[in-house]
Amino acid sequence: MEYSTLATSGSMLMPKKRLLDLPNELIRCIVDSVALLRRDRYDGARDTRTLSNLSQTCQIFHLLCNSQLFSNINLDESKDAAGLLIRSLIETPELGVHVQHLTLRVIWESAEQCERGLRKRLTPTHSNATGHPGTLPNLRHLELEDPAVYFMNIPEVPRIFTGLLALPPLTSILTRYDNDRWGGLAQVAAAGPFALEQIRFHETAIRGPDLCRLLQLCPGLRVLEIEIDYHFFAPCFQQTTHPGITTHLSTTLSTLCPRLQRLTLLHGDLSALRTPDEPCLTCLTDLEDLTVLETELPTIFRSSEDMANADITARLPPKLTQLTLHDIWYSDPRYCLYSLAPGSRPWIHERLDASTEPLTVMLLRLASSCLAGQLPGLRKVAVKTPTYEHDRGNTSDEISKAFAKTGVLFELISAHSTFPCPLTR
């Protein structure tokens, strides 16, 4: 790649200069500008090809472009690309050095197809999870979505990514639909603590002991999101123990995560996370740095009667700024969000007097407590419930006004996220 310049009138053409003669700062700007286009434009394929072509022109472009090409890998809907990716990273370790963000959104029709795809691409040497530690030494963010992680069930491929991750530098992990398998992170032999600051397990079935084992290795954790798919994964809730590890999250959360700032607990019930004789989590007040909490009402209250009578401020973290509550009582079918499809159970959609509901009593008491100076940092309260969509009156407006007097924003989240409520048609 060369360029030339024309002199003024009457002069000769100036000598051609090689692109390599440009200052390194300018070359880096060229590569960065292409990468910026790739982020800002919808069609990033052409810009990726541009980077790929540039990387083949000269050594300096090769190094700079590879850093851009491989810093963020997004694998989407490919049956055997996961195996090809693993093989490439193992056989060309210099590529793995560039990977900082890895996302696997692989849709497998079946575990058998996944196994065939991996076997097609991987040799037994590649499949040895303990033989390639540190292949991704600079990985900071990992996302696994859908049943992509089912390949970890295959005995011939024992948790390959666990062996590649070099977990200590990882700062963020998000998994969805892991079917209890990504709990294998808790089994990783670590010479020291992890750098994980954010853990997000969505639609998971990770057991309490496995989670405690993992959290013990993450003293700097600031964000913890656990969304347990109770209906789908209920059979996975079995009591297990690890030597020297407390079985239940509720007795160890504040000790294991002293710096926690954001906590999401959507669990269906607490059987995997609390002791059998503990009807609700009592450790929230010990989380001194927690500012954002999203959870279901049974996390805080033992029953609807307890909710109507208890002082919620005595059960919440002192520095809380945002509170999101999911009104789900699994013993009361009105609040089972999985049953709110119109026409499925018409009696679920009956009108009610929300002004007398325990939820309303609790929220108005919370507003009064805020007005009296409790939870001074609270700025937003959100509630996901069908109660006020089925209300005969305007109870939610009264609650909003009560919170407005304290400077707290009240937000009502529709419980009919999939299907519209037939009462509002």
Protein backbone atom coordinates (compact mmCIF):
# COMPACT_ATOMS: atom_id res chain seq x y z
CA MET A 1 0.00 0.00 0.00
CA GLU A 2 1.63 3.22 -1.19
CA TYR A 3 0.73 6.80 -1.87
CA SER A 4 2.29 9.71 -3.79
CA THR A 5 1.99 13.49 -3.82
CA LEU A 6 2.09 16.04 -6.64
CA ALA A 7 4.44 19.01 -6.42
CA THR A 8 3.56 22.55 -7.48
CA SER A 9 3.33 23.45 -11.17
CA GLY A 10 6.45 22.58 -13.12
CA SER A 11 7.93 20.27 -10.54
CA MET A 12 8.57 16.56 -10.71
CA LEU A 13 6.48 13.95 -8.94
CA MET A 14 7.79 13.47 -5.43
CA PRO A 15 9.06 9.98 -4.48
CA LYS A 16 6.45 7.49 -3.41
CA LYS A 17 6.24 6.74 0.29
CA ARG A 18 5.27 3.48 1.90
CA LEU A 19 2.34 3.30 4.29
CA LEU A 20 4.74 1.85 6.81
CA ASP A 21 6.60 5.17 6.85
CA LEU A 22 3.61 6.86 8.44
CA PRO A 23 3.94 7.54 12.17
CA ASN A 24 2.67 4.69 14.32
CA GLU A 25 0.14 7.04 15.90
CA LEU A 26 -1.41 7.71 12.49
CA ILE A 27 -1.51 4.02 11.63
CA ARG A 28 -3.25 3.34 14.93
CA CYS A 29 -5.80 6.05 14.14
CA ILE A 30 -6.59 4.34 10.82
CA VAL A 31 -7.27 1.05 12.56
CA ASP A 32 -9.24 2.70 15.36
CA SER A 33 -11.41 4.60 12.88
CA VAL A 34 -12.40 1.37 11.15
CA ALA A 35 -13.18 -0.23 14.50
CA LEU A 36 -15.25 2.81 15.47
CA LEU A 37 -17.29 2.49 12.28
CA ARG A 38 -17.90 -1.14 13.10
CA ARG A 39 -19.38 -0.17 16.47
CA ASP A 40 -21.50 2.68 15.13
CA ARG A 41 -22.88 1.07 11.98
CA TYR A 42 -25.48 -1.64 11.68
CA ASP A 43 -23.55 -3.56 9.02
CA GLY A 44 -20.27 -4.36 10.67
CA ALA A 45 -19.32 -7.19 8.30
CA ARG A 46 -17.68 -4.86 5.75
CA ASP A 47 -15.64 -3.11 8.41
CA THR A 48 -14.56 -6.46 9.82
CA ARG A 49 -13.37 -7.45 6.35
CA THR A 50 -11.52 -4.14 6.10
CA LEU A 51 -9.72 -4.85 9.34
CA SER A 52 -8.97 -8.36 8.16
CA ASN A 53 -7.54 -7.07 4.88
CA LEU A 54 -5.48 -4.44 6.66
CA SER A 55 -4.05 -7.08 8.97
CA GLN A 56 -2.56 -8.85 5.95
CA THR A 57 -0.72 -5.81 4.56
CA CYS A 58 2.17 -5.52 6.98
CA GLN A 59 3.29 -6.61 10.43
CA ILE A 60 2.32 -3.45 12.26
CA PHE A 61 -1.19 -3.51 10.79
CA HIS A 62 -1.37 -7.22 11.56
CA LEU A 63 -0.74 -6.61 15.24
CA LEU A 64 -3.04 -3.61 15.56
CA CYS A 65 -5.90 -5.10 13.56
CA ASN A 66 -5.80 -8.43 15.35
CA SER A 67 -6.21 -6.61 18.62
CA GLN A 68 -9.41 -5.02 17.27
CA LEU A 69 -10.66 -8.14 15.50
CA PHE A 70 -10.33 -10.49 18.46
CA SER A 71 -10.97 -8.23 21.45
CA ASN A 72 -14.72 -8.87 21.24
CA ILE A 73 -15.89 -12.29 19.99
CA ASN A 74 -19.62 -12.86 19.53
CA LEU A 75 -20.56 -16.39 18.52
CA ASP A 76 -24.19 -16.59 17.42
CA GLU A 77 -26.27 -19.60 16.35
CA SER A 78 -23.59 -21.93 15.07
CA LYS A 79 -23.62 -25.66 15.70
CA ASP A 80 -19.91 -26.38 15.54
CA ALA A 81 -18.33 -22.94 15.64
CA ALA A 82 -17.79 -23.29 19.39
CA GLY A 83 -15.51 -26.23 18.75
CA LEU A 84 -13.71 -24.34 15.98
CA LEU A 85 -13.25 -21.35 18.27
CA ILE A 86 -11.81 -23.49 21.06
CA ARG A 87 -9.45 -25.21 18.63
CA SER A 88 -8.30 -21.91 17.14
CA LEU A 89 -7.59 -20.43 20.55
CA ILE A 90 -5.62 -23.50 21.62
CA GLU A 91 -3.62 -23.87 18.41
CA THR A 92 -3.00 -20.14 17.99
CA PRO A 93 -2.52 -18.86 21.54
CA GLU A 94 -1.46 -15.41 20.35
CA LEU A 95 -5.10 -14.81 19.34
CA GLY A 96 -6.40 -15.62 22.81
CA VAL A 97 -4.28 -12.84 24.24
CA HIS A 98 -6.49 -10.27 22.47
CA VAL A 99 -9.86 -11.63 23.68
CA GLN A 100 -11.40 -9.38 26.31
CA HIS A 101 -15.14 -9.97 25.77
CA LEU A 102 -16.53 -13.37 24.77
CA THR A 103 -20.22 -13.94 24.05
CA LEU A 104 -21.66 -17.34 23.11
CA ARG A 105 -25.27 -17.26 21.95
CA VAL A 106 -25.34 -20.68 20.38
CA ILE A 107 -28.70 -22.31 19.69
CA TRP A 108 -28.45 -26.08 19.76
CA GLU A 109 -31.36 -28.17 18.56
CA SER A 110 -30.14 -30.98 20.78
CA ALA A 111 -27.20 -31.98 22.93
CA GLU A 112 -26.37 -34.67 20.36
CA GLN A 113 -25.82 -32.07 17.63
CA CYS A 114 -23.66 -30.11 20.01
CA GLU A 115 -21.57 -33.17 20.76
CA ARG A 116 -21.15 -34.00 17.07
CA GLY A 117 -20.11 -30.44 16.32
CA LEU A 118 -17.48 -30.45 19.02
CA ARG A 119 -16.13 -33.87 18.11
CA LYS A 120 -15.87 -32.72 14.50
CA ARG A 121 -13.61 -29.86 15.47
CA LEU A 122 -11.78 -31.06 18.58
CA THR A 123 -9.23 -33.76 19.18
CA PRO A 124 -8.86 -35.47 22.59
CA THR A 125 -5.91 -33.16 23.21
CA HIS A 126 -8.09 -30.11 22.68
CA SER A 127 -10.76 -31.57 24.96
CA ASN A 128 -8.39 -31.87 27.90
CA ALA A 129 -9.70 -29.07 30.09
CA THR A 130 -6.63 -29.15 32.32
CA GLY A 131 -4.12 -29.04 29.48
CA HIS A 132 -4.61 -25.47 28.27
CA PRO A 133 -4.86 -23.12 31.27
CA GLY A 134 -4.51 -19.43 30.60
CA THR A 135 -5.48 -19.58 26.91
CA LEU A 136 -7.60 -16.45 27.46
CA PRO A 137 -5.39 -14.55 29.90
CA ASN A 138 -6.96 -11.14 29.33
CA LEU A 139 -10.64 -12.10 29.21
CA ARG A 140 -12.67 -9.68 31.32
CA HIS A 141 -16.29 -10.29 30.30
CA LEU A 142 -17.95 -13.62 29.55
CA GLU A 143 -21.55 -14.15 28.42
CA LEU A 144 -23.15 -17.53 27.78
CA GLU A 145 -26.73 -17.61 26.51
CA ASP A 146 -29.28 -20.31 25.76
CA PRO A 147 -28.37 -23.99 25.91
CA ALA A 148 -24.93 -23.20 24.53
CA VAL A 149 -23.46 -24.54 27.75
CA TYR A 150 -25.04 -27.95 27.26
CA PHE A 151 -21.75 -29.05 25.74
CA MET A 152 -20.41 -29.02 29.28
CA ASN A 153 -22.63 -32.05 29.96
CA ILE A 154 -20.65 -34.13 27.48
CA PRO A 155 -18.16 -36.36 29.34
CA GLU A 156 -15.65 -36.22 26.47
CA VAL A 157 -15.51 -32.44 26.72
CA PRO A 158 -15.21 -31.75 30.45
CA ARG A 159 -15.87 -28.07 30.93
CA ILE A 160 -13.46 -26.88 28.28
CA PHE A 161 -14.01 -23.21 28.85
CA THR A 162 -13.38 -23.59 32.57
CA GLY A 163 -9.92 -24.79 31.58
CA LEU A 164 -9.32 -21.95 29.13
CA LEU A 165 -10.56 -18.96 31.04
CA ALA A 166 -7.65 -18.15 33.34
CA LEU A 167 -10.38 -17.10 35.75
CA PRO A 168 -8.44 -14.81 38.11
CA PRO A 169 -8.56 -11.77 35.72
CA LEU A 170 -12.23 -12.26 34.75
CA THR A 171 -14.33 -9.35 36.06
CA SER A 172 -17.82 -10.07 34.67
CA ILE A 173 -19.77 -13.24 33.86
CA LEU A 174 -23.35 -13.63 32.64
CA THR A 175 -25.02 -16.97 31.94
CA ARG A 176 -28.54 -17.92 30.90
CA TYR A 177 -30.21 -21.33 31.04
CA ASP A 178 -27.15 -23.04 32.45
CA ASN A 179 -29.11 -26.01 33.84
CA ASP A 180 -26.93 -26.02 36.96
CA ARG A 181 -23.81 -26.73 34.91
CA TRP A 182 -22.08 -23.41 35.17
CA GLY A 183 -21.94 -24.05 38.89
CA GLY A 184 -18.79 -25.88 37.82
CA LEU A 185 -17.05 -22.53 38.27
CA ALA A 186 -17.28 -23.26 41.96
CA GLN A 187 -15.09 -26.32 41.47
CA VAL A 188 -12.20 -24.44 39.87
CA ALA A 189 -8.99 -24.85 41.82
CA ALA A 190 -7.85 -21.28 42.37
CA ALA A 191 -4.48 -20.23 43.73
CA GLY A 192 -6.03 -16.96 44.86
CA PRO A 193 -9.25 -14.94 44.75
CA PHE A 194 -10.95 -14.06 41.49
CA ALA A 195 -11.28 -10.51 40.21
CA LEU A 196 -14.99 -10.99 39.51
CA GLU A 197 -16.97 -7.82 40.20
CA GLN A 198 -20.21 -8.82 38.44
CA ILE A 199 -21.92 -12.23 38.46
CA ARG A 200 -25.22 -12.67 36.66
CA PHE A 201 -26.90 -16.08 36.66
CA HIS A 202 -30.20 -15.79 34.75
CA GLU A 203 -32.69 -18.65 34.49
CA THR A 204 -30.30 -20.77 36.47
CA ALA A 205 -30.51 -23.63 38.92
CA ILE A 206 -27.24 -23.17 40.74
CA ARG A 207 -27.38 -24.69 44.21
CA GLY A 208 -26.74 -22.71 47.36
CA PRO A 209 -23.51 -24.56 48.28
CA ASP A 210 -22.07 -24.14 44.78
CA LEU A 211 -22.87 -20.45 44.85
CA CYS A 212 -21.28 -20.00 48.28
CA ARG A 213 -18.17 -21.78 47.06
CA LEU A 214 -17.93 -19.38 44.11
CA LEU A 215 -18.68 -16.26 46.14
CA GLN A 216 -15.97 -17.19 48.60
CA LEU A 217 -13.50 -16.62 45.76
CA CYS A 218 -14.96 -13.19 44.86
CA PRO A 219 -14.35 -10.81 47.79
CA GLY A 220 -14.56 -7.78 45.47
CA LEU A 221 -18.00 -8.64 44.08
CA ARG A 222 -20.20 -5.58 43.54
CA VAL A 223 -23.08 -6.94 41.43
CA LEU A 224 -24.86 -10.26 42.03
CA GLU A 225 -27.93 -11.26 40.01
CA ILE A 226 -29.58 -14.63 40.55
CA GLU A 227 -32.74 -15.48 38.66
CA ILE A 228 -33.64 -19.06 39.44
CA ASP A 229 -36.11 -20.68 37.08
CA TYR A 230 -37.93 -22.47 39.85
CA HIS A 231 -40.52 -24.16 37.65
CA PHE A 232 -38.06 -25.56 35.14
CA PHE A 233 -35.20 -26.38 37.48
CA ALA A 234 -36.99 -27.40 40.67
CA PRO A 235 -35.58 -30.98 40.56
CA CYS A 236 -32.08 -29.52 40.79
CA PHE A 237 -32.71 -28.12 44.26
CA GLN A 238 -31.00 -30.83 46.25
CA GLN A 239 -29.03 -30.38 49.44
CA THR A 240 -25.30 -30.77 48.83
CA THR A 241 -22.30 -29.84 50.89
CA HIS A 242 -18.70 -28.83 50.35
CA PRO A 243 -16.10 -29.40 53.06
CA GLY A 244 -15.62 -26.22 55.03
CA ILE A 245 -18.27 -24.32 53.06
CA THR A 246 -21.47 -23.04 54.63
CA THR A 247 -24.37 -24.57 52.78
CA HIS A 248 -26.76 -21.64 52.67
CA LEU A 249 -26.36 -18.23 51.11
CA SER A 250 -28.47 -16.42 53.70
CA THR A 251 -25.99 -17.05 56.50
CA THR A 252 -22.93 -16.04 54.51
CA LEU A 253 -23.91 -13.35 51.99
CA SER A 254 -22.76 -10.33 53.97
CA THR A 255 -19.52 -12.08 54.92
CA LEU A 256 -18.73 -13.34 51.43
CA CYS A 257 -19.73 -10.12 49.62
CA PRO A 258 -18.97 -7.20 51.93
CA ARG A 259 -18.71 -4.75 48.99
CA LEU A 260 -21.95 -5.75 47.28
CA GLN A 261 -23.77 -2.76 45.79
CA ARG A 262 -26.45 -4.34 43.56
CA LEU A 263 -28.37 -7.51 44.39
CA THR A 264 -31.06 -9.28 42.37
CA LEU A 265 -32.69 -12.36 43.92
CA LEU A 266 -35.57 -13.80 41.92
CA HIS A 267 -35.80 -17.30 43.20
CA GLY A 268 -39.34 -18.71 43.19
CA ASP A 269 -38.69 -19.96 46.67
CA LEU A 270 -35.69 -19.92 48.95
CA SER A 271 -35.09 -23.65 49.31
CA ALA A 272 -31.69 -23.51 47.63
CA LEU A 273 -30.51 -20.35 49.35
CA ARG A 274 -31.61 -20.43 52.99
CA THR A 275 -31.75 -22.74 55.96
CA PRO A 276 -34.90 -24.89 56.27
CA ASP A 277 -36.06 -23.10 59.43
CA GLU A 278 -35.55 -19.61 57.98
CA PRO A 279 -38.77 -18.38 56.35
CA CYS A 280 -37.15 -15.30 54.80
CA LEU A 281 -33.72 -13.80 54.27
CA THR A 282 -32.60 -11.85 57.33
CA CYS A 283 -29.16 -10.86 56.10
CA LEU A 284 -30.11 -7.87 53.93
CA THR A 285 -29.59 -5.34 56.70
CA ASP A 286 -25.98 -6.47 57.04
CA LEU A 287 -25.18 -5.44 53.44
CA GLU A 288 -23.98 -1.97 54.37
CA ASP A 289 -22.95 -0.87 50.86
CA LEU A 290 -26.00 -2.24 49.01
CA THR A 291 -27.84 0.51 47.13
CA VAL A 292 -29.94 -1.39 44.55
CA LEU A 293 -32.14 -4.35 45.49
CA GLU A 294 -34.54 -6.33 43.29
CA THR A 295 -36.28 -9.32 44.77
CA GLU A 296 -39.57 -11.07 45.44
CA LEU A 297 -41.72 -10.32 48.45
CA PRO A 298 -41.13 -13.73 50.12
CA THR A 299 -37.46 -12.77 50.39
CA ILE A 300 -38.40 -10.07 52.88
CA PHE A 301 -41.70 -11.27 54.36
CA ARG A 302 -42.78 -14.62 55.76
CA SER A 303 -46.35 -14.28 54.54
CA SER A 304 -48.85 -11.72 53.33
CA GLU A 305 -49.93 -11.25 56.95
CA ASP A 306 -46.35 -10.55 57.94
CA MET A 307 -46.12 -8.04 55.09
CA ALA A 308 -49.19 -6.19 56.34
CA ASN A 309 -47.81 -5.84 59.87
CA ALA A 310 -44.02 -5.70 59.65
CA ASP A 311 -41.83 -2.61 59.33
CA ILE A 312 -40.07 -3.17 56.01
CA THR A 313 -37.44 -0.51 56.71
CA ALA A 314 -36.06 -2.68 59.51
CA ARG A 315 -35.38 -5.44 56.98
CA LEU A 316 -33.72 -3.40 54.22
CA PRO A 317 -30.11 -2.23 53.74
CA PRO A 318 -29.50 1.21 55.26
CA LYS A 319 -28.03 2.82 52.11
CA LEU A 320 -30.71 1.62 49.70
CA THR A 321 -31.50 3.98 46.80
CA GLN A 322 -33.59 1.73 44.50
CA LEU A 323 -36.01 -1.01 45.51
CA THR A 324 -37.84 -3.28 43.06
CA LEU A 325 -40.33 -5.80 44.45
CA HIS A 326 -41.97 -8.67 42.57
CA ASP A 327 -45.36 -9.47 44.06
CA ILE A 328 -45.25 -13.25 43.80
CA TRP A 329 -46.74 -15.53 46.44
CA TYR A 330 -46.63 -19.04 45.12
CA SER A 331 -49.36 -20.19 47.48
CA ASP A 332 -51.70 -17.60 45.96
CA PRO A 333 -52.44 -18.35 42.26
CA ARG A 334 -53.41 -14.73 41.58
CA TYR A 335 -49.77 -13.76 41.78
CA CYS A 336 -48.29 -16.60 39.77
CA LEU A 337 -47.01 -14.69 36.74
CA TYR A 338 -46.78 -17.87 34.70
CA SER A 339 -50.58 -18.15 34.76
CA LEU A 340 -51.58 -14.71 33.53
CA ALA A 341 -52.27 -15.64 29.92
CA PRO A 342 -55.75 -14.31 29.04
CA GLY A 343 -58.39 -16.99 29.05
CA SER A 344 -56.24 -19.62 30.74
CA ARG A 345 -57.72 -19.06 34.18
CA PRO A 346 -60.36 -16.33 33.97
CA TRP A 347 -60.88 -16.17 37.73
CA ILE A 348 -57.32 -14.88 38.12
CA HIS A 349 -58.40 -11.66 36.42
CA GLU A 350 -61.26 -10.77 38.75
CA ARG A 351 -61.54 -7.21 39.99
CA LEU A 352 -60.43 -6.53 43.56
CA ASP A 353 -60.25 -3.73 46.08
CA ALA A 354 -56.52 -3.03 46.11
CA SER A 355 -56.80 -0.47 48.89
CA THR A 356 -57.19 -3.26 51.45
CA GLU A 357 -54.46 -5.52 50.08
CA PRO A 358 -51.44 -6.25 52.33
CA LEU A 359 -49.18 -4.96 49.57
CA THR A 360 -50.87 -1.56 49.71
CA VAL A 361 -50.63 -1.42 53.49
CA MET A 362 -46.91 -2.20 53.32
CA LEU A 363 -46.19 0.37 50.61
CA LEU A 364 -48.04 3.16 52.40
CA ARG A 365 -46.19 2.31 55.61
CA LEU A 366 -42.91 2.47 53.69
CA ALA A 367 -43.83 5.90 52.33
CA SER A 368 -44.63 7.11 55.85
CA SER A 369 -41.32 5.77 57.14
CA CYS A 370 -39.45 7.63 54.39
CA LEU A 371 -41.33 10.80 55.30
CA ALA A 372 -40.15 10.29 58.88
CA GLY A 373 -36.52 10.17 57.75
CA GLN A 374 -35.89 6.45 57.49
CA LEU A 375 -33.98 5.13 54.46
CA PRO A 376 -32.92 8.71 53.59
CA GLY A 377 -31.17 7.65 50.39
CA LEU A 378 -34.19 5.91 48.84
CA ARG A 379 -35.10 7.50 45.51
CA LYS A 380 -37.19 4.91 43.66
CA VAL A 381 -39.62 2.11 44.52
CA ALA A 382 -40.91 -0.15 41.74
CA VAL A 383 -43.45 -2.96 42.12
CA LYS A 384 -44.32 -5.66 39.62
CA THR A 385 -47.81 -6.88 40.44
CA PRO A 386 -51.21 -7.59 38.88
CA THR A 387 -52.92 -6.13 41.94
CA TYR A 388 -53.32 -2.56 40.72
CA GLU A 389 -54.18 -3.58 37.17
CA HIS A 390 -57.14 -5.46 38.65
CA ASP A 391 -58.06 -2.68 41.07
CA ARG A 392 -61.59 -1.31 41.16
CA GLY A 393 -60.26 2.07 42.20
CA ASN A 394 -57.13 4.19 41.81
CA THR A 395 -55.04 2.85 44.65
CA SER A 396 -51.78 3.09 42.72
CA ASP A 397 -52.31 6.83 42.30
CA GLU A 398 -52.70 7.22 46.05
CA ILE A 399 -49.48 5.29 46.61
CA SER A 400 -47.65 7.46 44.07
CA LYS A 401 -48.82 10.61 45.85
CA ALA A 402 -47.69 9.25 49.21
CA PHE A 403 -44.19 8.58 47.89
CA ALA A 404 -44.08 11.89 46.00
CA LYS A 405 -44.33 13.71 49.34
CA THR A 406 -41.02 12.12 50.31
CA GLY A 407 -39.28 12.73 46.99
CA VAL A 408 -39.38 9.03 46.10
CA LEU A 409 -40.51 7.95 42.63
CA PHE A 410 -43.06 5.13 42.62
CA GLU A 411 -43.25 2.98 39.49
CA LEU A 412 -45.79 0.27 38.70
CA ILE A 413 -44.50 -2.54 36.46
CA SER A 414 -47.13 -4.53 34.60
CA ALA A 415 -47.29 -8.19 35.55
CA HIS A 416 -48.81 -8.90 32.14
CA SER A 417 -45.55 -8.53 30.26
CA THR A 418 -46.35 -11.28 27.73
CA PHE A 419 -50.12 -10.98 27.39
CA PRO A 420 -52.23 -7.85 27.92
CA CYS A 421 -54.53 -7.94 30.89
CA PRO A 422 -58.07 -8.69 29.64
CA LEU A 423 -59.49 -6.32 32.27
CA THR A 424 -57.82 -3.34 30.59
CA ARG A 425 -59.18 -4.02 27.11
